[in-house]
Protein backbone atom coordinates (compact mmCIF):
# COMPACT_ATOMS: atom_id res chain seq x y z
CA MET A 1 -133.91 10.58 156.34
CA ILE A 2 -131.79 7.88 158.00
CA ILE A 3 -129.79 7.35 154.82
CA ARG A 4 -129.40 11.09 154.29
CA ASN A 5 -127.91 11.57 157.75
CA LEU A 6 -125.75 8.44 157.76
CA GLY A 7 -122.73 10.22 156.35
CA ILE A 8 -122.98 12.95 158.95
CA VAL A 9 -123.21 10.42 161.78
CA LEU A 10 -120.22 8.49 160.48
CA TRP A 11 -118.24 11.67 160.18
CA LEU A 12 -119.06 12.74 163.71
CA LEU A 13 -118.12 9.34 165.10
CA SER A 14 -114.86 9.22 163.16
CA SER A 15 -113.91 12.75 164.19
CA LEU A 16 -113.42 11.44 167.69
CA ASN A 17 -110.41 9.60 166.28
CA ALA A 18 -109.25 11.82 163.39
CA ALA A 19 -106.15 11.35 161.26
CA ASP A 20 -104.07 13.42 158.86
CA LEU A 21 -102.88 12.79 155.31
CA SER A 22 -100.10 14.72 153.59
CA ILE A 23 -99.90 14.64 149.79
CA GLU A 24 -96.61 15.43 148.07
CA PHE A 25 -96.63 16.27 144.36
CA LYS A 26 -93.52 15.24 142.43
CA PRO A 27 -93.29 16.61 138.87
CA LYS A 28 -91.42 14.20 136.61
CA TRP A 29 -90.30 13.82 133.03
CA GLN A 30 -90.44 10.10 132.49
CA THR A 31 -88.50 8.80 135.50
CA ALA A 32 -86.52 11.95 136.36
CA LEU A 33 -87.65 14.65 138.76
CA ILE A 34 -88.02 18.00 137.05
CA ALA A 35 -85.30 20.21 138.47
CA GLY A 36 -86.51 23.52 137.06
CA SER A 37 -85.47 25.45 133.99
CA GLU A 38 -81.84 24.34 134.31
CA SER A 39 -82.80 20.88 132.95
CA TRP A 40 -83.82 20.02 129.38
CA HIS A 41 -86.04 17.10 128.45
CA PRO A 42 -86.27 15.46 125.00
CA THR A 43 -89.53 14.89 123.15
CA GLU A 44 -90.26 12.87 120.01
CA ARG A 45 -90.79 15.92 117.79
CA PRO A 46 -87.78 16.36 118.09
CA LEU A 47 -87.77 19.20 120.57
CA GLU A 48 -86.21 19.74 123.95
CA LEU A 49 -88.20 21.38 126.72
CA SER A 50 -87.29 23.13 129.95
CA ILE A 51 -90.03 23.83 132.47
CA SER A 52 -89.82 26.95 134.62
CA ARG A 53 -93.27 27.11 136.22
CA ILE A 54 -95.63 24.42 137.50
CA ALA A 55 -98.47 25.73 139.64
CA PHE A 56 -102.07 24.67 140.20
CA LEU A 57 -105.00 24.98 142.59
CA VAL A 58 -106.46 21.88 144.26
CA SER A 59 -109.99 21.58 145.63
CA GLU A 60 -112.73 19.07 146.48
CA PRO A 61 -110.61 16.26 147.94
CA VAL A 62 -112.47 13.00 148.53
CA LEU A 63 -111.22 9.80 150.15
CA VAL A 64 -113.17 6.64 149.28
CA ASP A 65 -113.23 4.04 152.06
CA THR A 66 -113.27 0.27 151.59
CA LYS A 67 -117.10 0.26 151.65
CA GLY A 68 -117.25 2.73 148.78
CA ARG A 69 -118.28 5.74 150.87
CA GLY A 70 -116.78 9.09 149.97
CA HIS A 71 -115.40 11.36 152.70
CA SER A 72 -114.80 14.95 151.69
CA LEU A 73 -113.42 18.10 153.25
CA ARG A 74 -115.68 21.09 152.80
CA ASP A 75 -114.24 24.48 151.86
CA TRP A 76 -110.73 23.08 151.54
CA TYR A 77 -108.30 24.51 148.98
CA GLY A 78 -104.64 23.92 148.30
CA LEU A 79 -101.90 25.55 146.25
CA VAL A 80 -99.10 23.62 144.58
CA ASP A 81 -96.27 25.84 143.35
CA ILE A 82 -93.16 23.88 142.49
CA GLU A 83 -90.96 26.93 141.86
CA GLY A 84 -92.12 28.45 145.16
CA GLY A 85 -91.34 25.26 147.08
CA LYS A 86 -94.99 24.49 147.86
CA THR A 87 -95.15 20.80 146.94
CA THR A 88 -97.07 19.26 149.85
CA LEU A 89 -100.73 19.63 150.85
CA ASN A 90 -102.18 18.56 154.19
CA LEU A 91 -105.60 17.06 154.76
CA THR A 92 -106.39 17.17 158.48
CA GLY A 93 -109.22 15.82 160.59
CA LEU A 94 -109.92 12.84 158.32
CA PRO A 95 -111.82 9.82 159.68
CA ALA A 96 -109.48 7.09 160.93
CA TYR A 97 -110.56 4.57 158.30
CA LYS A 98 -108.97 2.43 155.63
CA PHE A 99 -109.33 3.93 152.16
CA LYS A 100 -109.02 2.53 148.68
CA ALA A 101 -109.00 5.64 146.49
CA ILE A 102 -108.45 9.38 146.45
CA GLU A 103 -110.01 12.03 144.25
CA PHE A 104 -109.36 15.74 143.87
CA THR A 105 -110.00 18.57 141.43
CA ILE A 106 -107.47 20.84 139.78
CA GLY A 107 -109.50 24.00 139.52
CA LEU A 108 -112.45 25.59 141.29
CA ASN A 109 -116.20 25.41 141.00
CA SER A 110 -117.85 28.35 139.26
CA GLU A 111 -119.13 29.93 142.48
CA ILE A 112 -115.68 30.18 144.06
CA ASN A 113 -113.99 30.98 140.75
CA ASN A 114 -116.27 33.98 140.24
CA SER A 115 -116.18 35.17 143.86
CA ASP A 116 -114.34 38.22 145.16
CA PRO A 117 -110.64 37.25 145.48
CA ALA A 118 -110.07 40.02 148.05
CA GLN A 119 -112.03 38.02 150.63
CA PHE A 120 -109.23 35.49 151.15
CA PRO A 121 -106.73 36.34 153.92
CA PRO A 122 -102.93 36.16 153.69
CA ASN A 123 -101.50 32.65 153.29
CA HIS A 124 -104.81 31.30 152.01
CA ALA A 125 -104.48 29.15 148.88
CA LEU A 126 -106.94 31.42 147.04
CA ASN A 127 -105.30 34.72 147.99
CA PRO A 128 -104.40 36.10 144.54
CA ILE A 129 -101.32 37.94 145.81
CA ASP A 130 -99.93 34.72 147.28
CA ASN A 131 -100.83 32.25 144.55
CA LYS A 132 -100.23 34.48 141.48
CA LEU A 133 -102.98 32.50 139.77
CA HIS A 134 -105.67 35.08 139.18
CA TRP A 135 -106.23 36.74 135.84
CA ASN A 136 -108.10 39.92 136.75
CA TRP A 137 -111.31 41.17 138.27
CA GLN A 138 -113.58 39.60 135.64
CA ASP A 139 -111.94 36.36 134.57
CA GLY A 140 -111.38 34.41 137.76
CA TYR A 141 -108.52 32.07 138.60
CA ILE A 142 -105.93 30.23 136.56
CA PHE A 143 -106.48 26.60 137.53
CA MET A 144 -103.09 25.45 136.27
CA ALA A 145 -100.04 27.27 134.88
CA LEU A 146 -97.30 25.49 132.93
CA GLU A 147 -94.50 27.62 131.46
CA GLY A 148 -91.10 27.00 129.98
CA HIS A 149 -88.90 27.03 126.89
CA TRP A 150 -88.40 24.85 123.82
CA LYS A 151 -85.54 24.48 121.39
CA SER A 152 -85.09 22.56 118.17
CA PRO A 153 -81.98 20.78 116.85
CA ASN A 154 -81.31 23.64 114.40
CA GLY A 155 -80.97 26.12 117.27
CA ILE A 156 -84.37 27.79 116.94
CA GLY A 157 -86.04 28.30 120.30
CA GLY A 158 -88.97 29.93 122.00
CA GLY A 159 -91.25 29.80 125.00
CA PHE A 160 -94.59 28.29 125.92
CA SER A 161 -97.18 29.52 128.38
CA TYR A 162 -100.19 27.31 129.12
CA HIS A 163 -102.75 28.77 131.53
CA LEU A 164 -105.96 26.82 131.99
CA GLY A 165 -109.05 28.22 133.67
CA ASN A 166 -112.83 28.48 133.38
CA GLU A 167 -115.39 25.74 133.97
CA PRO A 168 -114.68 23.53 130.90
CA HIS A 169 -111.10 23.07 132.06
CA ARG A 170 -111.63 21.84 135.61
CA MET A 171 -109.70 18.60 135.94
CA ARG A 172 -110.92 15.72 138.11
CA ILE A 173 -108.24 13.29 139.23
CA SER A 174 -109.24 9.82 140.50
CA LEU A 175 -106.57 7.41 141.73
CA PRO A 176 -106.65 4.00 143.40
CA ALA A 177 -104.64 4.29 146.60
CA VAL A 178 -104.59 1.97 149.62
CA ILE A 179 -104.34 4.44 152.51
CA ASP A 180 -104.72 3.13 156.03
CA LEU A 181 -105.50 5.90 158.51
CA SER A 182 -107.01 3.58 161.08
CA LYS A 183 -103.84 3.43 163.17
CA SER A 184 -101.58 6.26 162.01
CA ASN A 185 -101.25 9.28 159.81
CA ALA A 186 -100.02 8.76 156.25
CA HIS A 187 -97.94 10.41 153.53
CA LEU A 188 -98.91 10.00 149.88
CA GLU A 189 -96.44 10.75 147.08
CA LEU A 190 -97.94 11.46 143.67
CA ASN A 191 -95.99 11.65 140.43
CA PHE A 192 -97.14 14.32 137.99
CA GLN A 193 -95.88 13.11 134.61
CA LEU A 194 -95.30 16.28 132.65
CA ASP A 195 -94.00 14.26 129.70
CA GLN A 196 -97.55 12.96 129.21
CA VAL A 197 -98.93 16.50 129.29
CA LEU A 198 -96.40 18.46 127.26
CA ALA A 199 -94.63 16.08 124.89
CA ASP A 200 -97.38 16.32 122.27
CA SER A 201 -98.55 19.84 123.05
CA VAL A 202 -95.60 22.20 122.74
CA SER A 203 -94.80 23.56 119.30
CA GLN A 204 -93.97 26.88 117.74
CA LYS A 205 -97.57 27.28 116.62
CA ASN A 206 -99.08 26.08 119.91
CA SER A 207 -97.06 28.25 122.26
CA SER A 208 -99.91 29.65 124.33
CA THR A 209 -103.38 28.97 125.66
CA HIS A 210 -105.53 30.75 128.20
CA GLY A 211 -108.37 28.31 128.51
CA ARG A 212 -110.85 30.17 126.35
CA PRO A 213 -113.99 28.23 125.36
CA GLY A 214 -113.50 25.95 122.41
CA ASP A 215 -109.70 26.00 122.46
CA SER A 216 -108.69 22.52 121.32
CA LEU A 217 -105.18 22.93 122.77
CA ALA A 218 -106.58 23.72 126.23
CA LEU A 219 -108.87 20.69 126.07
CA GLN A 220 -105.95 18.51 124.97
CA ILE A 221 -103.86 19.65 127.94
CA LYS A 222 -106.81 19.14 130.30
CA GLU A 223 -107.37 15.57 129.15
CA SER A 224 -103.66 14.77 129.32
CA THR A 225 -103.40 16.22 132.83
CA GLU A 226 -106.29 14.12 134.12
CA ASN A 227 -104.30 11.01 133.19
CA ALA A 228 -100.86 12.22 134.27
CA PHE A 229 -101.00 11.56 138.03
CA PHE A 230 -99.80 8.29 139.51
CA VAL A 231 -99.32 7.01 143.04
CA ASP A 232 -95.61 6.64 143.70
CA LYS A 233 -95.42 5.77 147.38
CA ILE A 234 -97.59 5.56 150.47
CA SER A 235 -95.95 5.61 153.89
CA THR A 236 -97.22 5.73 157.44
CA LEU A 237 -96.43 8.59 159.74
CA GLU A 238 -96.42 8.36 163.48
CA PRO A 239 -98.40 11.07 165.22
CA ALA A 240 -96.30 14.14 165.70
CA ILE A 241 -95.01 14.84 169.16
CA VAL A 242 -96.84 17.99 170.17
CA PRO A 243 -94.84 20.12 172.59
CA LYS A 244 -96.52 21.38 175.70
CA TYR A 245 -98.43 24.49 174.88
CA LYS A 246 -96.86 27.74 175.87
CA ALA A 247 -98.93 30.83 175.61
CA ARG A 248 -97.41 33.09 173.01
CA ARG A 249 -96.47 36.38 174.51
CA THR A 250 -97.55 39.22 172.33
CA PRO A 251 -95.86 42.54 172.88
CA ASN A 252 -97.74 44.96 175.05
CA PHE A 253 -99.27 47.45 172.69
CA ILE A 254 -97.67 50.85 173.00
CA GLY A 255 -99.32 53.94 171.61
CA THR A 256 -102.37 54.44 169.41
CA PRO A 257 -103.43 51.82 166.85
CA PHE A 258 -102.93 52.85 163.23
CA HIS A 259 -105.85 51.84 161.03
CA LEU A 260 -104.67 50.98 157.53
CA LYS A 261 -107.17 52.03 154.89
CA ILE A 262 -107.22 49.69 151.89
CA SER A 263 -109.54 49.41 148.91
CA ASP A 264 -111.98 46.51 149.16
CA LYS A 265 -110.64 45.36 145.77
CA ILE A 266 -107.27 44.47 147.30
CA PRO A 267 -106.73 41.55 149.74
CA ILE A 268 -105.66 42.37 153.29
CA PRO A 269 -101.83 42.24 153.53
CA PRO A 270 -99.89 40.06 155.97
CA LEU A 271 -98.77 42.75 158.40
CA PRO A 272 -96.01 42.00 160.97
CA LEU A 273 -97.39 40.53 164.20
CA ASP A 274 -94.49 41.36 166.52
CA TYR A 275 -94.96 45.11 166.17
CA PRO A 276 -98.57 46.05 165.38
CA LEU A 277 -98.97 49.32 163.48
CA SER A 278 -99.19 52.36 165.75
CA ASN A 279 -99.48 56.06 165.00
CA GLU A 280 -96.39 56.74 167.10
CA ARG A 281 -94.18 54.22 165.29
CA VAL A 282 -95.45 55.34 161.88
CA GLU A 283 -94.68 58.99 162.66
CA LEU A 284 -91.27 58.06 164.07
CA GLY A 285 -90.58 56.12 160.88
CA ARG A 286 -91.67 59.08 158.78
CA ARG A 287 -89.22 61.34 160.58
CA LEU A 288 -86.36 58.83 160.32
CA PHE A 289 -87.07 58.28 156.62
CA HIS A 290 -86.55 62.00 155.95
CA ASP A 291 -83.62 62.51 158.36
CA ALA A 292 -80.14 62.85 156.85
CA GLN A 293 -78.63 61.98 160.24
CA LEU A 294 -79.08 58.33 159.31
CA SER A 295 -76.22 58.71 156.81
CA ARG A 296 -72.54 58.65 157.73
CA ASN A 297 -71.95 62.36 157.11
CA ASN A 298 -75.49 63.76 157.57
CA THR A 299 -75.91 64.56 153.88
CA ILE A 300 -78.58 62.20 152.55
CA SER A 301 -81.71 60.51 153.82
CA CYS A 302 -83.90 57.71 152.53
CA ALA A 303 -86.07 60.41 150.99
CA SER A 304 -83.13 61.72 148.95
CA CYS A 305 -83.59 58.81 146.54
CA HIS A 306 -87.27 58.10 147.22
CA LYS A 307 -89.27 61.28 146.71
CA SER A 308 -92.85 61.28 147.99
CA GLU A 309 -94.14 63.33 145.05
CA MET A 310 -92.90 60.59 142.69
CA ALA A 311 -94.50 57.68 144.57
CA PHE A 312 -91.18 57.41 146.42
CA ALA A 313 -89.10 56.96 143.25
CA GLU A 314 -86.75 59.55 141.74
CA ASN A 315 -86.18 61.08 138.32
CA ARG A 316 -82.59 59.89 137.96
CA LYS A 317 -81.24 56.99 135.94
CA LEU A 318 -79.06 55.75 138.80
CA SER A 319 -79.24 56.70 142.46
CA VAL A 320 -76.53 58.85 144.01
CA GLY A 321 -75.37 57.76 147.44
CA ILE A 322 -72.95 59.01 150.08
CA ASP A 323 -70.06 61.15 148.84
CA GLN A 324 -71.83 61.48 145.46
CA GLN A 325 -71.17 57.83 144.65
CA LEU A 326 -73.17 56.58 141.70
CA SER A 327 -74.98 53.32 142.38
CA ARG A 328 -75.55 50.69 139.71
CA ARG A 329 -79.35 50.63 140.04
CA ASN A 330 -82.39 52.86 139.84
CA SER A 331 -84.46 53.68 142.94
CA MET A 332 -87.61 51.59 143.07
CA PRO A 333 -90.98 53.16 143.98
CA LEU A 334 -91.90 52.46 147.61
CA VAL A 335 -95.66 51.98 147.57
CA ASN A 336 -97.81 48.92 148.35
CA LEU A 337 -94.88 47.17 150.02
CA ALA A 338 -97.14 45.54 152.59
CA TRP A 339 -97.79 42.72 150.11
CA LYS A 340 -94.15 42.04 149.22
CA ASP A 341 -92.00 39.36 150.85
CA SER A 342 -88.65 40.16 149.18
CA PHE A 343 -86.95 43.47 148.48
CA PHE A 344 -84.40 45.22 146.27
CA TRP A 345 -84.19 44.57 142.54
CA ASP A 346 -82.52 41.22 143.21
CA GLY A 347 -84.70 40.07 146.12
CA ARG A 348 -81.79 39.61 148.51
CA VAL A 349 -83.67 40.74 151.64
CA HIS A 350 -86.91 39.26 152.98
CA SER A 351 -88.14 41.87 155.43
CA LEU A 352 -88.86 45.52 154.94
CA ARG A 353 -87.14 46.53 158.18
CA ASN A 354 -83.93 44.76 157.11
CA GLN A 355 -84.13 46.44 153.74
CA ALA A 356 -84.12 49.81 155.50
CA LEU A 357 -81.16 48.87 157.69
CA GLU A 358 -79.14 47.49 154.79
CA SER A 359 -79.61 50.73 152.87
CA ILE A 360 -78.36 52.70 155.89
CA GLU A 361 -75.24 50.52 156.13
CA ASN A 362 -74.57 50.12 152.40
CA LYS A 363 -71.31 51.87 151.48
CA MET A 364 -72.78 52.95 148.14
CA GLU A 365 -75.93 54.38 149.71
CA MET A 366 -75.90 55.95 153.18
CA GLY A 367 -72.62 54.42 154.36
CA ALA A 368 -73.35 54.55 158.09
CA SER A 369 -72.50 52.32 161.03
CA LEU A 370 -75.61 51.21 162.91
CA PRO A 371 -73.97 51.44 166.37
CA LYS A 372 -72.91 55.02 165.55
CA ILE A 373 -76.40 55.86 164.33
CA GLU A 374 -77.84 54.49 167.58
CA GLN A 375 -75.47 56.74 169.54
CA LYS A 376 -76.16 59.74 167.32
CA LEU A 377 -79.91 59.47 167.80
CA SER A 378 -79.55 58.79 171.53
CA ASN A 379 -77.76 62.15 171.88
CA HIS A 380 -80.43 63.93 169.88
CA PRO A 381 -82.71 66.23 171.93
CA ALA A 382 -85.96 64.81 170.49
CA TYR A 383 -85.44 61.19 169.48
CA PRO A 384 -85.28 59.50 172.93
CA SER A 385 -88.75 60.82 173.75
CA LEU A 386 -90.06 59.81 170.34
CA PHE A 387 -88.75 56.27 170.81
CA LYS A 388 -90.33 56.11 174.28
CA ALA A 389 -93.69 57.11 172.81
CA ALA A 390 -93.30 54.47 170.10
CA TYR A 391 -91.84 51.60 172.12
CA GLY A 392 -92.37 52.36 175.80
CA SER A 393 -88.72 53.15 176.62
CA ARG A 394 -86.05 55.62 175.53
CA THR A 395 -83.77 52.83 174.25
CA ILE A 396 -82.69 53.38 170.65
CA SER A 397 -81.59 50.29 168.75
CA ALA A 398 -81.10 49.29 165.13
CA GLU A 399 -84.09 46.97 165.37
CA ARG A 400 -86.35 49.78 166.53
CA ILE A 401 -85.04 52.07 163.79
CA GLY A 402 -85.76 49.41 161.16
CA VAL A 403 -89.23 48.65 162.54
CA ALA A 404 -90.21 52.33 162.59
CA ILE A 405 -89.15 52.90 158.97
CA GLU A 406 -90.92 49.66 158.06
CA GLN A 407 -94.14 50.88 159.66
CA PHE A 408 -94.01 54.18 157.80
CA LEU A 409 -93.48 52.41 154.48
CA LEU A 410 -96.24 49.87 155.18
CA THR A 411 -98.72 52.74 155.34
CA GLN A 412 -97.85 54.01 151.85
CA ILE A 413 -100.84 52.56 150.03
CA SER A 414 -101.67 53.49 146.45
CA ASP A 415 -105.21 52.47 145.50
CA HIS A 416 -107.02 55.66 144.46
CA SER A 417 -106.35 56.22 140.78
CA ARG A 418 -108.68 56.98 137.90
CA PHE A 419 -108.69 53.26 137.19
CA ASP A 420 -109.75 52.47 140.77
CA ARG A 421 -112.54 55.05 140.57
CA ALA A 422 -113.73 53.54 137.29
CA LEU A 423 -113.64 50.09 138.88
CA ARG A 424 -115.96 51.43 141.59
CA ASN A 425 -118.25 52.93 138.88
CA GLU A 426 -117.55 56.46 140.12
CA ILE A 427 -116.28 57.61 136.72
CA GLU A 428 -116.00 56.19 133.21
CA LEU A 429 -112.74 55.81 131.34
CA THR A 430 -112.38 57.40 127.92
CA GLU A 431 -112.61 55.24 124.80
CA ILE A 432 -108.85 55.22 124.26
CA GLU A 433 -108.28 54.31 127.94
CA LYS A 434 -110.79 51.44 127.61
CA ARG A 435 -108.98 50.22 124.52
CA GLY A 436 -105.69 50.32 126.42
CA LEU A 437 -107.23 48.36 129.31
CA GLU A 438 -108.47 45.73 126.86
CA LEU A 439 -105.02 45.41 125.29
CA PHE A 440 -103.36 45.24 128.71
CA PHE A 441 -105.50 42.31 129.91
CA THR A 442 -105.70 40.39 126.62
CA GLU A 443 -103.16 37.79 125.52
CA HIS A 444 -101.47 37.92 122.12
CA ASP A 445 -102.39 34.61 120.51
CA PRO A 446 -102.88 34.81 116.73
CA ARG A 447 -103.84 31.12 116.73
CA ARG A 448 -107.03 32.21 118.51
CA ASN A 449 -107.33 35.58 116.72
CA LEU A 450 -106.33 37.42 119.88
CA TYR A 451 -104.03 40.42 119.53
CA GLY A 452 -103.55 41.89 122.97
CA ALA A 453 -100.38 43.16 124.63
CA ASP A 454 -99.91 40.34 127.18
CA CYS A 455 -99.06 42.84 129.94
CA PHE A 456 -101.13 41.10 132.60
CA HIS A 457 -98.87 38.04 132.84
CA CYS A 458 -96.34 39.96 134.92
CA HIS A 459 -98.35 43.05 135.83
CA GLY A 460 -101.82 41.66 136.54
CA GLY A 461 -103.90 41.72 139.69
CA PRO A 462 -104.85 44.65 141.90
CA LEU A 463 -101.22 45.59 142.58
CA PHE A 464 -100.28 45.49 138.87
CA SER A 465 -97.33 43.27 139.72
CA ASP A 466 -96.99 39.56 140.33
CA GLN A 467 -94.32 40.36 142.95
CA SER A 468 -91.96 37.96 141.19
CA TYR A 469 -88.75 38.16 139.13
CA HIS A 470 -88.49 38.11 135.36
CA ASN A 471 -86.06 38.55 132.51
CA ASN A 472 -87.98 41.00 130.34
CA GLY A 473 -85.68 40.98 127.34
CA LEU A 474 -83.28 43.80 128.15
CA VAL A 475 -79.76 43.67 126.72
CA LEU A 476 -77.81 41.83 129.39
CA THR A 477 -75.01 43.58 131.28
CA SER A 478 -72.64 42.60 134.07
CA ASP A 479 -75.54 43.07 136.51
CA GLN A 480 -77.11 39.61 136.57
CA GLY A 481 -79.94 40.44 138.96
CA LEU A 482 -81.51 37.52 140.79
CA ALA A 483 -78.77 35.16 139.56
CA GLU A 484 -76.27 36.98 141.79
CA ILE A 485 -78.28 35.73 144.76
CA THR A 486 -79.34 32.26 143.58
CA GLN A 487 -76.27 31.45 141.45
CA ARG A 488 -78.57 29.88 138.83
CA LYS A 489 -78.03 30.47 135.12
CA SER A 490 -81.79 30.40 134.58
CA ASP A 491 -82.07 33.54 136.78
CA ILE A 492 -79.63 35.68 134.77
CA GLY A 493 -81.24 39.00 133.91
CA LYS A 494 -84.21 38.49 136.21
CA PHE A 495 -85.21 41.50 138.30
CA SER A 496 -88.09 42.36 140.58
CA THR A 497 -91.30 43.23 138.75
CA PRO A 498 -92.26 46.75 139.85
CA SER A 499 -95.88 47.71 140.18
CA LEU A 500 -97.26 49.72 137.26
CA ARG A 501 -99.27 51.84 139.67
CA ASN A 502 -98.03 55.43 139.28
CA VAL A 503 -95.84 54.37 136.36
CA ALA A 504 -96.50 57.66 134.56
CA ILE A 505 -94.65 59.61 137.28
CA THR A 506 -91.82 57.21 138.12
CA ALA A 507 -89.57 57.48 135.05
CA PRO A 508 -86.89 56.45 134.22
CA TYR A 509 -87.62 52.73 134.07
CA MET A 510 -85.99 49.32 134.51
CA HIS A 511 -83.48 48.30 137.17
CA ASP A 512 -80.80 50.58 135.77
CA GLY A 513 -82.99 53.42 134.52
CA ARG A 514 -81.99 52.80 130.91
CA ILE A 515 -85.44 53.61 129.51
CA GLY A 516 -86.39 57.24 129.87
CA THR A 517 -90.05 57.56 128.91
CA LEU A 518 -93.27 55.60 129.13
CA ARG A 519 -93.49 55.42 125.34
CA GLU A 520 -89.98 53.99 125.13
CA ALA A 521 -90.93 51.39 127.75
CA VAL A 522 -93.91 50.23 125.68
CA GLU A 523 -91.76 50.30 122.53
CA HIS A 524 -89.28 47.96 124.22
CA TYR A 525 -91.93 45.23 124.38
CA ARG A 526 -92.95 45.92 120.78
CA SER A 527 -89.54 45.85 119.15
CA GLY A 528 -86.68 45.56 121.65
CA ILE A 529 -86.93 42.08 123.16
CA GLN A 530 -83.53 40.38 123.31
CA ARG A 531 -83.69 36.60 123.35
CA SER A 532 -81.69 34.63 125.91
CA GLY A 533 -81.95 31.36 127.77
CA SER A 534 -83.59 33.04 130.76
CA LEU A 535 -86.07 35.23 128.86
CA ASP A 536 -89.49 34.95 130.46
CA PRO A 537 -91.59 32.30 128.64
CA ASN A 538 -94.46 34.76 128.24
CA LEU A 539 -92.13 36.88 126.09
CA ALA A 540 -90.12 34.03 124.57
CA LYS A 541 -93.30 32.58 123.06
CA HIS A 542 -93.48 35.59 120.70
CA ALA A 543 -91.44 35.81 117.52
CA ALA A 544 -88.58 38.31 117.56
CA PRO A 545 -88.32 41.20 118.17
CA GLY A 546 -91.42 41.46 120.37
CA ILE A 547 -95.20 41.73 120.59
CA PRO A 548 -96.54 43.23 117.35
CA LEU A 549 -98.50 46.31 118.33
CA SER A 550 -99.76 49.10 116.10
CA ASP A 551 -99.02 52.76 116.76
CA SER A 552 -102.61 53.21 117.92
CA ASP A 553 -102.17 50.22 120.28
CA VAL A 554 -99.13 51.91 121.82
CA GLN A 555 -101.05 55.17 122.28
CA ALA A 556 -103.97 53.33 123.89
CA LEU A 557 -101.69 51.42 126.29
CA ILE A 558 -100.01 54.65 127.38
CA ALA A 559 -103.40 56.26 127.94
CA PHE A 560 -104.48 53.36 130.14
CA LEU A 561 -101.21 53.30 132.09
CA LYS A 562 -101.71 56.96 132.94
CA THR A 563 -105.00 56.07 134.63
CA LEU A 564 -102.99 54.14 137.25
CA THR A 565 -101.57 57.32 138.79
CA ASP A 566 -102.86 57.81 142.32
CA LEU A 567 -104.70 61.07 142.85
CA LYS A 568 -102.52 61.85 145.85
CA TYR A 569 -99.48 62.14 143.57
CA PHE A 570 -100.97 63.75 140.53
CA ASN A 571 -104.01 65.91 139.96
CA LEU A 572 -105.94 64.15 137.23
């Protein structure tokens, strides 16, 4: 009993003098830091590789002290996402000891891996919306994702997509590391040598793995990864100067709380904290959204291009703005925006309220001046009272206009489709719908005798979107999408990935509405993929011109996609 409780006693004693350790992961190819898909790295094949995605989940950290005792953090999880700028993990409340080694796992134990992903709050490492490392409701998490492109000296090129998950592919990393936390905090820099992982793995035949049992390629990558981490540098950190605590003033709540109803299959979204949802602000936002007075000449409203009966999309190729000006892009559906953190097809805005205000001011859309809109609404017989009910005063400002529209849009939740009802065992899908679901969530990997449609890579999860940006093989035009914002060649042709919820009623499709029907959209992925340097690796890994699907496969996919229409928009 004494021995059993010794670790607990030591932990309690050390907690009186706790320390912190930050761990920075530095992906490298030999001695050079990997700078994203703009950089190419030679292998001995000979092939050159560019790496566009490096992401993995970390769990079960253990620090081994100089007496050989292991000190762990319970229920601790971390996300490393190089592309997303998440390169550093923090271990807090560690005992102030001297340590000789560190251990951690890439992956999750079976209990957590098979648990309900909706239980994890916003900004948690295991929140599937945040980490984009969850396959679907049945298959658990992706422990590690490595994606990129390859090219040979003769000009032939393609993509690779390595996603490892499931119990056999948990990776345990053990590293000697002299870390002294007895006097100060510390910072540990770890090199992740991707050349040791990928140099002998990537080939035209071995372009994909999804960690299925018995996959020799997945096991090869696992074993290589376990030996690819090295300690680069250990430095001491002085304790941070903590400013004197000031109680955060939260706004006095005005009005009646609005209770957002969300399916228990979808994680809770990160709602704005400065303006909690209220019935009064939501209703004000609803009225503003449908009011043409927010345009320069009182002719169009937000709802002119975002029709509620079409899941807030419209049945036009390109939107028509003020003075009948034709925009260059299609109107996106405006549902389930509470989980998004960037907006417009090119992601140029990072708050929903600012998206609303930019559309009001945009010369090609509503063409208004915000100060003039403030004055116009202030002179309106009803709006001053509505703003007082929503905010506590009659003051009308651009910020309050944006917040109100934001609150209305945050409440537009789509989670009650035939698919959702089947997921809750309320109904059963037809055989052709089940076949379409299977195709949707199955990879296309002939090496493993798998012939799915690979849709889930970009459209997986409960929202049927990874909320990211992809080049999906459209013929490139002058509209460069995300690249216009980032100025990176590797982002040319990348656009926001729309949710496939309600896809059957939101035609036409793509950022410029070039595809008119759902069948044509599926056909694009079967036979219309255009290869380019920025083509998404999950499409580039397939031979031209796309994913080989039979006519019956296409029919089944369409049948399944129609099950994603919310009952509020379409009577199924």
